[in-house]
Amino acid sequence: PTSGFANPTLTIIALALRLADHLKGMAR
């Protein structure tokens, strides 16, 4: 929604890991 000043890759990976956890929960 907003970007701050931080380069995005670390946040992209953090959100990807969070989404992976959500998908694991859906699978269960």
PDB file of all heavy atoms in Angstrom:
ATOM      1  N   PRO A   1       0.820  -1.216   0.000  1.00  0.00           N
ATOM      2  CA  PRO A   1       0.000   0.000   0.000  1.00  0.00           C
ATOM      3  C   PRO A   1       0.855   1.268   0.000  1.00  0.00           C
ATOM      4  O   PRO A   1       0.483   2.277  -0.593  1.00  0.00           O
ATOM      5  CB  PRO A   1      -0.811  -0.102   1.302  1.00  0.00           C
ATOM      6  CG  PRO A   1      -0.699  -1.534   1.726  1.00  0.00           C
ATOM      7  CD  PRO A   1       0.641  -1.996   1.246  1.00  0.00           C
ATOM      8  N   THR A   2       1.979   1.240   0.709  1.00  0.00           N
ATOM      9  CA  THR A   2       2.963   2.319   0.716  1.00  0.00           C
ATOM     10  C   THR A   2       4.335   1.673   0.694  1.00  0.00           C
ATOM     11  O   THR A   2       4.482   0.470   0.939  1.00  0.00           O
ATOM     12  CB  THR A   2       2.829   3.216   1.966  1.00  0.00           C
ATOM     13  OG1 THR A   2       2.878   2.389   3.139  1.00  0.00           O
ATOM     14  CG2 THR A   2       1.537   4.004   1.953  1.00  0.00           C
ATOM     15  N   SER A   3       5.373   2.479   0.456  1.00  0.00           N
ATOM     16  CA  SER A   3       6.686   1.872   0.192  1.00  0.00           C
ATOM     17  C   SER A   3       7.770   2.227   1.186  1.00  0.00           C
ATOM     18  O   SER A   3       8.802   1.562   1.213  1.00  0.00           O
ATOM     19  CB  SER A   3       7.159   2.298  -1.207  1.00  0.00           C
ATOM     20  OG  SER A   3       7.416   3.694  -1.230  1.00  0.00           O
ATOM     21  N   GLY A   4       7.593   3.295   2.000  1.00  0.00           N
ATOM     22  CA  GLY A   4       8.718   3.765   2.797  1.00  0.00           C
ATOM     23  C   GLY A   4       9.896   4.084   1.902  1.00  0.00           C
ATOM     24  O   GLY A   4       9.739   4.316   0.697  1.00  0.00           O
ATOM     25  N   PHE A   5      11.101   4.089   2.491  1.00  0.00           N
ATOM     26  CA  PHE A   5      12.285   4.304   1.655  1.00  0.00           C
ATOM     27  C   PHE A   5      13.083   3.025   1.440  1.00  0.00           C
ATOM     28  O   PHE A   5      14.113   3.025   0.775  1.00  0.00           O
ATOM     29  CB  PHE A   5      13.194   5.399   2.231  1.00  0.00           C
ATOM     30  CG  PHE A   5      13.788   5.103   3.600  1.00  0.00           C
ATOM     31  CD1 PHE A   5      14.614   4.017   3.814  1.00  0.00           C
ATOM     32  CD2 PHE A   5      13.551   5.958   4.666  1.00  0.00           C
ATOM     33  CE1 PHE A   5      15.167   3.751   5.058  1.00  0.00           C
ATOM     34  CE2 PHE A   5      14.102   5.704   5.922  1.00  0.00           C
ATOM     35  CZ  PHE A   5      14.917   4.592   6.110  1.00  0.00           C
ATOM     36  N   ALA A   6      12.649   1.912   2.031  1.00  0.00           N
ATOM     37  CA  ALA A   6      13.428   0.673   2.007  1.00  0.00           C
ATOM     38  C   ALA A   6      13.332  -0.021   0.658  1.00  0.00           C
ATOM     39  O   ALA A   6      12.235  -0.162   0.101  1.00  0.00           O
ATOM     40  CB  ALA A   6      12.945  -0.272   3.106  1.00  0.00           C
ATOM     41  N   ASN A   7      14.471  -0.494   0.134  1.00  0.00           N
ATOM     42  CA  ASN A   7      14.426  -1.350  -1.043  1.00  0.00           C
ATOM     43  C   ASN A   7      13.497  -2.533  -0.756  1.00  0.00           C
ATOM     44  O   ASN A   7      13.492  -3.062   0.344  1.00  0.00           O
ATOM     45  CB  ASN A   7      15.828  -1.850  -1.380  1.00  0.00           C
ATOM     46  CG  ASN A   7      16.714  -0.749  -1.913  1.00  0.00           C
ATOM     47  OD1 ASN A   7      16.813   0.319  -1.312  1.00  0.00           O
ATOM     48  ND2 ASN A   7      17.383  -1.006  -3.017  1.00  0.00           N
ATOM     49  N   PRO A   8      12.713  -2.975  -1.731  1.00  0.00           N
ATOM     50  CA  PRO A   8      11.578  -3.856  -1.409  1.00  0.00           C
ATOM     51  C   PRO A   8      11.875  -5.332  -1.255  1.00  0.00           C
ATOM     52  O   PRO A   8      11.030  -6.065  -0.738  1.00  0.00           O
ATOM     53  CB  PRO A   8      10.640  -3.646  -2.600  1.00  0.00           C
ATOM     54  CG  PRO A   8      11.553  -3.311  -3.732  1.00  0.00           C
ATOM     55  CD  PRO A   8      12.666  -2.510  -3.126  1.00  0.00           C
ATOM     56  N   THR A   9      13.052  -5.827  -1.679  1.00  0.00           N
ATOM     57  CA  THR A   9      13.223  -7.282  -1.788  1.00  0.00           C
ATOM     58  C   THR A   9      13.072  -7.996  -0.457  1.00  0.00           C
ATOM     59  O   THR A   9      12.431  -9.053  -0.378  1.00  0.00           O
ATOM     60  CB  THR A   9      14.578  -7.617  -2.424  1.00  0.00           C
ATOM     61  OG1 THR A   9      14.684  -6.948  -3.683  1.00  0.00           O
ATOM     62  CG2 THR A   9      14.707  -9.118  -2.655  1.00  0.00           C
ATOM     63  N   LEU A  10      13.639  -7.469   0.626  1.00  0.00           N
ATOM     64  CA  LEU A  10      13.528  -8.140   1.918  1.00  0.00           C
ATOM     65  C   LEU A  10      12.061  -8.233   2.348  1.00  0.00           C
ATOM     66  O   LEU A  10      11.617  -9.262   2.872  1.00  0.00           O
ATOM     67  CB  LEU A  10      14.353  -7.406   2.973  1.00  0.00           C
ATOM     68  CG  LEU A  10      14.478  -8.121   4.324  1.00  0.00           C
ATOM     69  CD1 LEU A  10      15.233  -9.434   4.186  1.00  0.00           C
ATOM     70  CD2 LEU A  10      15.161  -7.219   5.352  1.00  0.00           C
ATOM     71  N   THR A  11      11.297  -7.164   2.113  1.00  0.00           N
ATOM     72  CA  THR A  11       9.867  -7.195   2.458  1.00  0.00           C
ATOM     73  C   THR A  11       9.102  -8.137   1.536  1.00  0.00           C
ATOM     74  O   THR A  11       8.173  -8.828   1.974  1.00  0.00           O
ATOM     75  CB  THR A  11       9.280  -5.775   2.407  1.00  0.00           C
ATOM     76  OG1 THR A  11      10.021  -4.928   3.285  1.00  0.00           O
ATOM     77  CG2 THR A  11       7.822  -5.769   2.824  1.00  0.00           C
ATOM     78  N   ILE A  12       9.472  -8.194   0.267  1.00  0.00           N
ATOM     79  CA  ILE A  12       8.853  -9.146  -0.662  1.00  0.00           C
ATOM     80  C   ILE A  12       9.018 -10.566  -0.140  1.00  0.00           C
ATOM     81  O   ILE A  12       8.066 -11.364  -0.111  1.00  0.00           O
ATOM     82  CB  ILE A  12       9.473  -9.014  -2.069  1.00  0.00           C
ATOM     83  CG1 ILE A  12       9.026  -7.712  -2.741  1.00  0.00           C
ATOM     84  CG2 ILE A  12       9.114 -10.213  -2.942  1.00  0.00           C
ATOM     85  CD1 ILE A  12       9.744  -7.417  -4.045  1.00  0.00           C
ATOM     86  N   ILE A  13      10.217 -10.894   0.306  1.00  0.00           N
ATOM     87  CA  ILE A  13      10.477 -12.252   0.798  1.00  0.00           C
ATOM     88  C   ILE A  13       9.723 -12.500   2.099  1.00  0.00           C
ATOM     89  O   ILE A  13       9.134 -13.575   2.296  1.00  0.00           O
ATOM     90  CB  ILE A  13      11.991 -12.468   0.972  1.00  0.00           C
ATOM     91  CG1 ILE A  13      12.679 -12.420  -0.393  1.00  0.00           C
ATOM     92  CG2 ILE A  13      12.279 -13.797   1.663  1.00  0.00           C
ATOM     93  CD1 ILE A  13      14.185 -12.390  -0.320  1.00  0.00           C
ATOM     94  N   ALA A  14       9.717 -11.516   2.996  1.00  0.00           N
ATOM     95  CA  ALA A  14       8.986 -11.675   4.260  1.00  0.00           C
ATOM     96  C   ALA A  14       7.505 -11.921   4.001  1.00  0.00           C
ATOM     97  O   ALA A  14       6.884 -12.809   4.607  1.00  0.00           O
ATOM     98  CB  ALA A  14       9.189 -10.442   5.130  1.00  0.00           C
ATOM     99  N   LEU A  15       6.906 -11.158   3.093  1.00  0.00           N
ATOM    100  CA  LEU A  15       5.489 -11.360   2.767  1.00  0.00           C
ATOM    101  C   LEU A  15       5.260 -12.701   2.087  1.00  0.00           C
ATOM    102  O   LEU A  15       4.213 -13.340   2.283  1.00  0.00           O
ATOM    103  CB  LEU A  15       4.996 -10.223   1.872  1.00  0.00           C
ATOM    104  CG  LEU A  15       4.783  -8.860   2.522  1.00  0.00           C
ATOM    105  CD1 LEU A  15       4.387  -7.840   1.467  1.00  0.00           C
ATOM    106  CD2 LEU A  15       3.718  -8.929   3.616  1.00  0.00           C
ATOM    107  N   ALA A  16       6.221 -13.144   1.264  1.00  0.00           N
ATOM    108  CA  ALA A  16       6.092 -14.448   0.610  1.00  0.00           C
ATOM    109  C   ALA A  16       6.092 -15.569   1.645  1.00  0.00           C
ATOM    110  O   ALA A  16       5.314 -16.530   1.536  1.00  0.00           O
ATOM    111  CB  ALA A  16       7.225 -14.642  -0.397  1.00  0.00           C
ATOM    112  N   LEU A  17       6.940 -15.463   2.651  1.00  0.00           N
ATOM    113  CA  LEU A  17       6.976 -16.473   3.706  1.00  0.00           C
ATOM    114  C   LEU A  17       5.674 -16.455   4.504  1.00  0.00           C
ATOM    115  O   LEU A  17       5.155 -17.515   4.894  1.00  0.00           O
ATOM    116  CB  LEU A  17       8.173 -16.227   4.624  1.00  0.00           C
ATOM    117  CG  LEU A  17       9.553 -16.354   3.961  1.00  0.00           C
ATOM    118  CD1 LEU A  17      10.650 -15.968   4.938  1.00  0.00           C
ATOM    119  CD2 LEU A  17       9.780 -17.767   3.439  1.00  0.00           C
ATOM    120  N   ARG A  18       5.151 -15.266   4.739  1.00  0.00           N
ATOM    121  CA  ARG A  18       3.868 -15.148   5.455  1.00  0.00           C
ATOM    122  C   ARG A  18       2.748 -15.783   4.638  1.00  0.00           C
ATOM    123  O   ARG A  18       1.886 -16.497   5.171  1.00  0.00           O
ATOM    124  CB  ARG A  18       3.575 -13.674   5.731  1.00  0.00           C
ATOM    125  CG  ARG A  18       2.284 -13.404   6.502  1.00  0.00           C
ATOM    126  CD  ARG A  18       2.172 -11.918   6.811  1.00  0.00           C
ATOM    127  NE  ARG A  18       0.941 -11.618   7.525  1.00  0.00           N
ATOM    128  CZ  ARG A  18      -0.205 -11.268   6.943  1.00  0.00           C
ATOM    129  NH1 ARG A  18      -0.273 -11.199   5.614  1.00  0.00           N
ATOM    130  NH2 ARG A  18      -1.276 -11.001   7.673  1.00  0.00           N
ATOM    131  N   LEU A  19       2.740 -15.537   3.321  1.00  0.00           N
ATOM    132  CA  LEU A  19       1.724 -16.136   2.453  1.00  0.00           C
ATOM    133  C   LEU A  19       1.873 -17.658   2.423  1.00  0.00           C
ATOM    134  O   LEU A  19       0.874 -18.387   2.437  1.00  0.00           O
ATOM    135  CB  LEU A  19       1.832 -15.551   1.044  1.00  0.00           C
ATOM    136  CG  LEU A  19       0.931 -16.162  -0.029  1.00  0.00           C
ATOM    137  CD1 LEU A  19      -0.525 -16.169   0.386  1.00  0.00           C
ATOM    138  CD2 LEU A  19       1.103 -15.419  -1.361  1.00  0.00           C
ATOM    139  N   ALA A  20       3.113 -18.145   2.391  1.00  0.00           N
ATOM    140  CA  ALA A  20       3.333 -19.597   2.407  1.00  0.00           C
ATOM    141  C   ALA A  20       2.743 -20.209   3.670  1.00  0.00           C
ATOM    142  O   ALA A  20       2.110 -21.282   3.618  1.00  0.00           O
ATOM    143  CB  ALA A  20       4.826 -19.905   2.301  1.00  0.00           C
ATOM    144  N   ASP A  21       2.915 -19.555   4.812  1.00  0.00           N
ATOM    145  CA  ASP A  21       2.325 -20.057   6.052  1.00  0.00           C
ATOM    146  C   ASP A  21       0.800 -20.102   5.966  1.00  0.00           C
ATOM    147  O   ASP A  21       0.157 -21.048   6.433  1.00  0.00           O
ATOM    148  CB  ASP A  21       2.745 -19.179   7.240  1.00  0.00           C
ATOM    149  CG  ASP A  21       4.129 -19.526   7.759  1.00  0.00           C
ATOM    150  OD1 ASP A  21       4.773 -20.437   7.194  1.00  0.00           O
ATOM    151  OD2 ASP A  21       4.580 -18.884   8.726  1.00  0.00           O
ATOM    152  N   HIS A  22       0.231 -19.061   5.354  1.00  0.00           N
ATOM    153  CA  HIS A  22      -1.231 -19.033   5.195  1.00  0.00           C
ATOM    154  C   HIS A  22      -1.691 -20.200   4.319  1.00  0.00           C
ATOM    155  O   HIS A  22      -2.692 -20.869   4.633  1.00  0.00           O
ATOM    156  CB  HIS A  22      -1.656 -17.703   4.583  1.00  0.00           C
ATOM    157  CG  HIS A  22      -3.126 -17.616   4.301  1.00  0.00           C
ATOM    158  ND1 HIS A  22      -4.077 -17.403   5.273  1.00  0.00           N
ATOM    159  CD2 HIS A  22      -3.815 -17.737   3.120  1.00  0.00           C
ATOM    160  CE1 HIS A  22      -5.279 -17.386   4.731  1.00  0.00           C
ATOM    161  NE2 HIS A  22      -5.149 -17.586   3.426  1.00  0.00           N
ATOM    162  N   LEU A  23      -0.986 -20.454   3.224  1.00  0.00           N
ATOM    163  CA  LEU A  23      -1.364 -21.547   2.327  1.00  0.00           C
ATOM    164  C   LEU A  23      -1.210 -22.902   3.008  1.00  0.00           C
ATOM    165  O   LEU A  23      -2.006 -23.827   2.780  1.00  0.00           O
ATOM    166  CB  LEU A  23      -0.521 -21.486   1.050  1.00  0.00           C
ATOM    167  CG  LEU A  23      -0.829 -20.309   0.119  1.00  0.00           C
ATOM    168  CD1 LEU A  23       0.230 -20.194  -0.969  1.00  0.00           C
ATOM    169  CD2 LEU A  23      -2.212 -20.455  -0.500  1.00  0.00           C
ATOM    170  N   LYS A  24      -0.198 -23.035   3.865  1.00  0.00           N
ATOM    171  CA  LYS A  24      -0.052 -24.281   4.631  1.00  0.00           C
ATOM    172  C   LYS A  24      -1.258 -24.475   5.546  1.00  0.00           C
ATOM    173  O   LYS A  24      -1.762 -25.596   5.701  1.00  0.00           O
ATOM    174  CB  LYS A  24       1.234 -24.237   5.445  1.00  0.00           C
ATOM    175  CG  LYS A  24       2.508 -24.283   4.617  1.00  0.00           C
ATOM    176  CD  LYS A  24       3.738 -24.045   5.492  1.00  0.00           C
ATOM    177  CE  LYS A  24       4.994 -23.901   4.659  1.00  0.00           C
ATOM    178  NZ  LYS A  24       6.180 -23.561   5.498  1.00  0.00           N
ATOM    179  N   GLY A  25      -1.710 -23.388   6.152  1.00  0.00           N
ATOM    180  CA  GLY A  25      -2.896 -23.472   7.000  1.00  0.00           C
ATOM    181  C   GLY A  25      -4.130 -23.855   6.222  1.00  0.00           C
ATOM    182  O   GLY A  25      -4.966 -24.649   6.695  1.00  0.00           O
ATOM    183  N   MET A  26      -4.267 -23.308   5.010  1.00  0.00           N
ATOM    184  CA  MET A  26      -5.406 -23.671   4.167  1.00  0.00           C
ATOM    185  C   MET A  26      -5.371 -25.152   3.805  1.00  0.00           C
ATOM    186  O   MET A  26      -6.411 -25.822   3.743  1.00  0.00           O
ATOM    187  CB  MET A  26      -5.388 -22.827   2.890  1.00  0.00           C
ATOM    188  CG  MET A  26      -5.572 -21.334   3.117  1.00  0.00           C
ATOM    189  SD  MET A  26      -7.222 -20.917   3.722  1.00  0.00           S
ATOM    190  CE  MET A  26      -8.193 -21.274   2.275  1.00  0.00           C
ATOM    191  N   ALA A  27      -4.170 -25.684   3.575  1.00  0.00           N
ATOM    192  CA  ALA A  27      -4.039 -27.086   3.188  1.00  0.00           C
ATOM    193  C   ALA A  27      -4.432 -28.024   4.319  1.00  0.00           C
ATOM    194  O   ALA A  27      -4.873 -29.154   4.079  1.00  0.00           O
ATOM    195  CB  ALA A  27      -2.599 -27.363   2.754  1.00  0.00           C
ATOM    196  N   ARG A  28      -4.269 -27.561   5.562  1.00  0.00           N
ATOM    197  CA  ARG A  28      -4.597 -28.417   6.707  1.00  0.00           C
ATOM    198  C   ARG A  28      -6.091 -28.459   7.004  1.00  0.00           C
ATOM    199  O   ARG A  28      -6.545 -29.261   7.818  1.00  0.00           O
ATOM    200  CB  ARG A  28      -3.830 -27.937   7.940  1.00  0.00           C
ATOM    201  CG  ARG A  28      -2.333 -28.229   7.884  1.00  0.00           C
ATOM    202  CD  ARG A  28      -1.686 -28.010   9.240  1.00  0.00           C
ATOM    203  NE  ARG A  28      -1.675 -26.608   9.622  1.00  0.00           N
ATOM    204  CZ  ARG A  28      -0.673 -25.777   9.379  1.00  0.00           C
ATOM    205  NH1 ARG A  28       0.403 -26.207   8.735  1.00  0.00           N
ATOM    206  NH2 ARG A  28      -0.730 -24.517   9.760  1.00  0.00           N
TER     207      ARG A  28
END
